[in-house]
Amino acid sequence: MQARTGIDAGVCGFRTDVKTSSEDGMFVTFEVTSDCDKISALGDALTARGPINAYEEISPASDSVIMATVRECLKGCCAGCAVPVGMFKSMQVAAGLALPKDITIQITRE
């Protein structure tokens, strides 16, 4: 199964496209294209790690490979970057662990 996820990170103006694929419903690969150099490096690092076990990623008993890679690659980056959560959700859809549904975060100043 494959999933395509487009992520508009917000005020930084960077756009990221994520393609996740899983042939067995368990191990997921990532292809990441981004205007942001740090997110591009994150995508390269995830690709280099090879297929990621989606079941271990969602397990509370396991350390997340995705989040560990995010912490390594996004040092000096916005701690509230929306891209990692979009990547995680894309992984879930590719593995058949979630249905494809848009995520919305609306922020207003009051």
N, C-alpha and C. Protein backbone atom coordinates (compact mmCIF):
# COMPACT_ATOMS: atom_id res chain seq x y z
N MET A 1 0.85 -1.16 0.00
CA MET A 1 0.00 0.00 0.00
C MET A 1 0.90 1.23 0.00
N GLN A 2 0.41 2.29 -0.59
CA GLN A 2 1.14 3.55 -0.61
C GLN A 2 0.28 4.67 -0.07
N ALA A 3 0.96 5.67 0.47
CA ALA A 3 0.28 6.89 0.90
C ALA A 3 1.11 8.07 0.44
N ARG A 4 0.42 9.13 0.05
CA ARG A 4 1.08 10.39 -0.29
C ARG A 4 0.54 11.45 0.65
N THR A 5 1.45 12.20 1.23
CA THR A 5 1.07 13.20 2.22
C THR A 5 1.74 14.52 1.86
N GLY A 6 0.94 15.56 1.71
CA GLY A 6 1.46 16.90 1.48
C GLY A 6 1.36 17.67 2.78
N ILE A 7 2.46 18.30 3.18
CA ILE A 7 2.49 19.01 4.46
C ILE A 7 2.95 20.45 4.23
N ASP A 8 2.10 21.39 4.62
CA ASP A 8 2.43 22.81 4.62
C ASP A 8 2.79 23.13 6.06
N ALA A 9 4.08 23.37 6.34
CA ALA A 9 4.56 23.48 7.71
C ALA A 9 4.15 24.77 8.42
N GLY A 10 3.61 25.73 7.71
CA GLY A 10 3.12 26.94 8.38
C GLY A 10 3.89 28.17 8.00
N VAL A 11 4.19 28.98 9.00
CA VAL A 11 4.75 30.30 8.77
C VAL A 11 6.13 30.25 8.11
N CYS A 12 6.86 29.17 8.25
CA CYS A 12 8.17 29.05 7.59
C CYS A 12 8.02 29.02 6.08
N GLY A 13 6.83 28.60 5.60
CA GLY A 13 6.56 28.58 4.17
C GLY A 13 7.07 27.34 3.45
N PHE A 14 7.67 26.42 4.19
CA PHE A 14 8.21 25.22 3.55
C PHE A 14 7.11 24.19 3.29
N ARG A 15 7.22 23.54 2.17
CA ARG A 15 6.29 22.49 1.74
C ARG A 15 7.05 21.18 1.70
N THR A 16 6.42 20.12 2.20
CA THR A 16 7.02 18.79 2.20
C THR A 16 6.04 17.80 1.61
N ASP A 17 6.54 16.95 0.74
CA ASP A 17 5.75 15.85 0.19
C ASP A 17 6.38 14.54 0.65
N VAL A 18 5.54 13.67 1.19
CA VAL A 18 6.00 12.39 1.72
C VAL A 18 5.27 11.27 1.00
N LYS A 19 6.03 10.32 0.49
CA LYS A 19 5.45 9.11 -0.10
C LYS A 19 5.92 7.95 0.77
N THR A 20 4.96 7.24 1.34
CA THR A 20 5.28 6.07 2.15
C THR A 20 4.74 4.84 1.44
N SER A 21 5.50 3.76 1.55
CA SER A 21 5.11 2.51 0.89
C SER A 21 5.34 1.33 1.81
N SER A 22 4.43 0.36 1.72
CA SER A 22 4.59 -0.89 2.45
C SER A 22 4.06 -2.02 1.59
N GLU A 23 4.89 -2.99 1.36
CA GLU A 23 4.48 -4.15 0.56
C GLU A 23 3.83 -5.23 1.42
N ASP A 24 4.15 -5.23 2.72
CA ASP A 24 3.67 -6.30 3.59
C ASP A 24 2.75 -5.82 4.72
N GLY A 25 2.43 -4.53 4.76
CA GLY A 25 1.58 -4.01 5.81
C GLY A 25 2.27 -3.89 7.15
N MET A 26 3.60 -3.99 7.14
CA MET A 26 4.35 -3.90 8.39
C MET A 26 5.56 -2.98 8.26
N PHE A 27 6.38 -3.21 7.26
CA PHE A 27 7.59 -2.42 7.08
C PHE A 27 7.33 -1.33 6.05
N VAL A 28 7.69 -0.09 6.41
CA VAL A 28 7.37 1.08 5.60
C VAL A 28 8.65 1.81 5.19
N THR A 29 8.68 2.24 3.92
CA THR A 29 9.78 3.06 3.43
C THR A 29 9.27 4.47 3.16
N PHE A 30 10.18 5.42 3.20
CA PHE A 30 9.86 6.83 3.02
C PHE A 30 10.59 7.42 1.83
N GLU A 31 9.89 8.28 1.08
CA GLU A 31 10.49 9.17 0.08
C GLU A 31 10.02 10.57 0.45
N VAL A 32 10.96 11.45 0.75
CA VAL A 32 10.61 12.79 1.23
C VAL A 32 11.22 13.83 0.31
N THR A 33 10.40 14.76 -0.12
CA THR A 33 10.84 15.91 -0.90
C THR A 33 10.39 17.15 -0.15
N SER A 34 11.34 18.07 0.10
CA SER A 34 10.99 19.25 0.88
C SER A 34 11.80 20.46 0.45
N ASP A 35 11.20 21.64 0.63
CA ASP A 35 11.91 22.89 0.42
C ASP A 35 12.88 23.16 1.57
N CYS A 36 12.67 22.50 2.71
CA CYS A 36 13.49 22.70 3.91
C CYS A 36 14.67 21.73 3.90
N ASP A 37 15.88 22.26 4.02
CA ASP A 37 17.07 21.42 4.02
C ASP A 37 17.08 20.43 5.18
N LYS A 38 16.62 20.85 6.35
CA LYS A 38 16.62 19.95 7.51
C LYS A 38 15.63 18.80 7.33
N ILE A 39 14.48 19.09 6.76
CA ILE A 39 13.49 18.04 6.51
C ILE A 39 13.99 17.11 5.40
N SER A 40 14.66 17.66 4.40
CA SER A 40 15.25 16.80 3.35
C SER A 40 16.27 15.85 3.96
N ALA A 41 17.10 16.37 4.89
CA ALA A 41 18.09 15.51 5.56
C ALA A 41 17.39 14.46 6.42
N LEU A 42 16.28 14.83 7.04
CA LEU A 42 15.48 13.86 7.82
C LEU A 42 14.99 12.74 6.90
N GLY A 43 14.47 13.10 5.75
CA GLY A 43 14.01 12.09 4.79
C GLY A 43 15.13 11.17 4.36
N ASP A 44 16.31 11.74 4.10
CA ASP A 44 17.46 10.92 3.71
C ASP A 44 17.85 9.96 4.84
N ALA A 45 17.81 10.45 6.08
CA ALA A 45 18.16 9.61 7.22
C ALA A 45 17.17 8.48 7.41
N LEU A 46 15.88 8.75 7.22
CA LEU A 46 14.88 7.68 7.33
C LEU A 46 15.05 6.65 6.22
N THR A 47 15.35 7.12 5.02
CA THR A 47 15.59 6.20 3.90
C THR A 47 16.80 5.32 4.19
N ALA A 48 17.85 5.92 4.75
CA ALA A 48 19.07 5.17 5.05
C ALA A 48 18.84 4.10 6.12
N ARG A 49 17.90 4.32 7.01
CA ARG A 49 17.61 3.34 8.06
C ARG A 49 16.90 2.11 7.50
N GLY A 50 16.45 2.20 6.28
CA GLY A 50 15.75 1.06 5.67
C GLY A 50 14.30 1.02 6.09
N PRO A 51 13.60 -0.03 5.70
CA PRO A 51 12.19 -0.12 6.08
C PRO A 51 12.02 -0.07 7.60
N ILE A 52 11.01 0.69 8.02
CA ILE A 52 10.72 0.89 9.44
C ILE A 52 9.49 0.07 9.82
N ASN A 53 9.59 -0.65 10.92
CA ASN A 53 8.50 -1.50 11.40
C ASN A 53 7.40 -0.61 11.99
N ALA A 54 6.29 -0.50 11.30
CA ALA A 54 5.19 0.38 11.72
C ALA A 54 4.58 -0.08 13.04
N TYR A 55 4.54 -1.38 13.27
CA TYR A 55 3.96 -1.88 14.52
C TYR A 55 4.81 -1.49 15.72
N GLU A 56 6.14 -1.52 15.57
CA GLU A 56 7.01 -1.08 16.66
C GLU A 56 6.88 0.43 16.86
N GLU A 57 6.65 1.17 15.78
CA GLU A 57 6.51 2.62 15.89
C GLU A 57 5.30 3.02 16.72
N ILE A 58 4.22 2.28 16.60
CA ILE A 58 3.00 2.66 17.33
C ILE A 58 2.92 2.02 18.72
N SER A 59 3.83 1.12 19.03
CA SER A 59 3.82 0.43 20.32
C SER A 59 4.36 1.33 21.42
N PRO A 60 3.63 1.42 22.54
CA PRO A 60 4.15 2.21 23.66
C PRO A 60 5.36 1.54 24.33
N ALA A 61 5.59 0.27 24.03
CA ALA A 61 6.72 -0.45 24.63
C ALA A 61 8.01 -0.29 23.84
N SER A 62 7.94 0.30 22.65
CA SER A 62 9.12 0.45 21.79
C SER A 62 9.50 1.91 21.65
N ASP A 63 10.78 2.13 21.43
CA ASP A 63 11.25 3.48 21.09
C ASP A 63 10.98 3.71 19.61
N SER A 64 10.52 4.88 19.28
CA SER A 64 10.19 5.21 17.91
C SER A 64 11.44 5.56 17.11
N VAL A 65 11.69 4.82 16.05
CA VAL A 65 12.80 5.11 15.14
C VAL A 65 12.57 6.46 14.48
N ILE A 66 11.34 6.72 14.09
CA ILE A 66 11.02 8.00 13.44
C ILE A 66 11.33 9.16 14.38
N MET A 67 10.86 9.11 15.61
CA MET A 67 11.06 10.23 16.53
C MET A 67 12.53 10.37 16.93
N ALA A 68 13.25 9.27 17.07
CA ALA A 68 14.69 9.35 17.36
C ALA A 68 15.43 10.01 16.20
N THR A 69 15.03 9.68 14.99
CA THR A 69 15.65 10.28 13.81
C THR A 69 15.30 11.76 13.71
N VAL A 70 14.07 12.10 14.06
CA VAL A 70 13.65 13.51 14.09
C VAL A 70 14.53 14.29 15.06
N ARG A 71 14.74 13.73 16.26
CA ARG A 71 15.56 14.43 17.27
C ARG A 71 17.00 14.62 16.78
N GLU A 72 17.53 13.65 16.06
CA GLU A 72 18.89 13.74 15.54
C GLU A 72 19.00 14.79 14.43
N CYS A 73 18.03 14.81 13.53
CA CYS A 73 18.12 15.62 12.32
C CYS A 73 17.61 17.05 12.47
N LEU A 74 16.70 17.28 13.39
CA LEU A 74 16.08 18.60 13.47
C LEU A 74 16.61 19.45 14.61
N LYS A 75 17.84 19.20 15.02
CA LYS A 75 18.47 20.06 16.03
C LYS A 75 18.58 21.47 15.47
N GLY A 76 18.23 22.45 16.29
CA GLY A 76 18.28 23.83 15.82
C GLY A 76 17.10 24.21 14.95
N CYS A 77 16.14 23.33 14.89
CA CYS A 77 14.93 23.56 14.08
C CYS A 77 13.78 23.87 15.03
N CYS A 78 12.69 24.29 14.48
CA CYS A 78 11.51 24.58 15.29
C CYS A 78 11.03 23.31 15.99
N ALA A 79 10.95 23.35 17.32
CA ALA A 79 10.51 22.18 18.08
C ALA A 79 9.06 21.83 17.80
N GLY A 80 8.29 22.79 17.28
CA GLY A 80 6.89 22.55 16.98
C GLY A 80 6.64 22.23 15.52
N CYS A 81 7.66 21.81 14.80
CA CYS A 81 7.51 21.50 13.37
C CYS A 81 6.41 20.44 13.17
N ALA A 82 5.50 20.73 12.25
CA ALA A 82 4.36 19.84 12.00
C ALA A 82 4.71 18.67 11.08
N VAL A 83 5.87 18.72 10.44
CA VAL A 83 6.21 17.69 9.46
C VAL A 83 6.35 16.29 10.08
N PRO A 84 7.05 16.12 11.22
CA PRO A 84 7.19 14.77 11.76
C PRO A 84 5.86 14.06 12.02
N VAL A 85 4.86 14.76 12.54
CA VAL A 85 3.58 14.11 12.80
C VAL A 85 2.92 13.71 11.48
N GLY A 86 3.07 14.51 10.44
CA GLY A 86 2.53 14.16 9.13
C GLY A 86 3.21 12.93 8.57
N MET A 87 4.52 12.82 8.78
CA MET A 87 5.26 11.65 8.33
C MET A 87 4.79 10.40 9.07
N PHE A 88 4.58 10.54 10.37
CA PHE A 88 4.12 9.41 11.19
C PHE A 88 2.75 8.93 10.73
N LYS A 89 1.84 9.87 10.50
CA LYS A 89 0.49 9.50 10.05
C LYS A 89 0.55 8.84 8.67
N SER A 90 1.42 9.33 7.79
CA SER A 90 1.57 8.72 6.47
C SER A 90 2.05 7.28 6.58
N MET A 91 2.97 7.03 7.53
CA MET A 91 3.46 5.67 7.78
C MET A 91 2.31 4.76 8.20
N GLN A 92 1.44 5.28 9.08
CA GLN A 92 0.32 4.48 9.55
C GLN A 92 -0.61 4.09 8.40
N VAL A 93 -0.88 5.02 7.50
CA VAL A 93 -1.77 4.74 6.37
C VAL A 93 -1.13 3.72 5.43
N ALA A 94 0.16 3.88 5.14
CA ALA A 94 0.84 2.95 4.23
C ALA A 94 0.84 1.52 4.78
N ALA A 95 0.90 1.39 6.10
CA ALA A 95 0.90 0.07 6.73
C ALA A 95 -0.51 -0.47 6.98
N GLY A 96 -1.52 0.31 6.64
CA GLY A 96 -2.89 -0.13 6.87
C GLY A 96 -3.33 -0.02 8.31
N LEU A 97 -2.63 0.80 9.10
CA LEU A 97 -2.96 0.96 10.52
C LEU A 97 -3.86 2.16 10.78
N ALA A 98 -4.12 2.94 9.74
CA ALA A 98 -5.02 4.09 9.86
C ALA A 98 -5.63 4.35 8.48
N LEU A 99 -6.78 4.97 8.49
CA LEU A 99 -7.41 5.36 7.23
C LEU A 99 -6.88 6.73 6.82
N PRO A 100 -6.81 6.98 5.51
CA PRO A 100 -6.32 8.29 5.06
C PRO A 100 -7.36 9.37 5.34
N LYS A 101 -7.03 10.25 6.26
CA LYS A 101 -7.91 11.35 6.64
C LYS A 101 -7.03 12.55 6.93
N ASP A 102 -7.40 13.70 6.40
CA ASP A 102 -6.63 14.92 6.64
C ASP A 102 -6.59 15.27 8.11
N ILE A 103 -5.48 15.83 8.52
CA ILE A 103 -5.29 16.35 9.87
C ILE A 103 -5.31 17.86 9.75
N THR A 104 -5.99 18.53 10.66
CA THR A 104 -6.06 19.99 10.60
C THR A 104 -5.66 20.57 11.95
N ILE A 105 -4.79 21.54 11.90
CA ILE A 105 -4.46 22.33 13.08
C ILE A 105 -4.73 23.78 12.71
N GLN A 106 -5.69 24.38 13.35
CA GLN A 106 -6.03 25.77 13.06
C GLN A 106 -5.59 26.62 14.24
N ILE A 107 -4.82 27.67 13.95
CA ILE A 107 -4.30 28.52 15.01
C ILE A 107 -4.73 29.96 14.73
N THR A 108 -5.31 30.58 15.76
CA THR A 108 -5.67 31.99 15.66
C THR A 108 -5.17 32.71 16.90
N ARG A 109 -4.91 33.96 16.75
CA ARG A 109 -4.51 34.79 17.90
C ARG A 109 -5.76 35.46 18.44
N GLU A 110 -5.93 35.44 19.75
CA GLU A 110 -7.09 36.07 20.37
C GLU A 110 -6.66 37.12 21.35
